[in-house]
């Protein structure tokens, strides 16, 4: 492995998360993922040039939007990504940091030498910023607007004052309705118990009287 492809280099430089981030940038900049800012992505085209891209596209899914955090969570343990570590380790470029910390890897001396050289230039995989992301992480993207749109967490929708008021009134009504229903249930139970007791008492008295 004298030269690494983009995703092998990303794993060597930053592990599984770096691989996913790199693939997301490639897919966005090549038009196969659409950004719904902030931090929501959807699939435009399922074409994949590399198994890592296939893993990430499968994590996005053909329908709906996915956040980058969700895409990471769904893909980092995919064998198409974790398998990169095995190949790098077999080539003597990666080693486990500790036997007690599964999934934690560090480059060997030979791996660090390749990191200093940089990744293999591969225009078919690099969408523009992907080499920078593979080497240094998402913060290295020079297009800060695109970086924010892709990687920032989705912000919750802000409620208007009118909607907040409606929700408060609805919650109060629900609480009052629940209390009223509970009170009615309690009254019904009490009345039912008393009536039942009265019938039992009356029936018992009539029986005794008839017997005498």
Foldseek 3Di string as FASTA:
>chain_A
DLAAALLLLLCQQPRLLLSLVLLVQQCVLVVQWDFDPAFKIAGDDCDDDALSNNLLNVQQDHDDIDGSVSSSVRRSPPCSNVVSQVVCVVVQQKDAPDPVDPRHIHGDPVNVVNLVVFHDDDVVRHSDCSSVCSNPNLVRDPPVVVSRRNHPDHDDDDDDPVVVVVVVVVVVVVVVVVVVVVVVVVVVVVVVVVVVVVVVVVVVVVVVVVVD
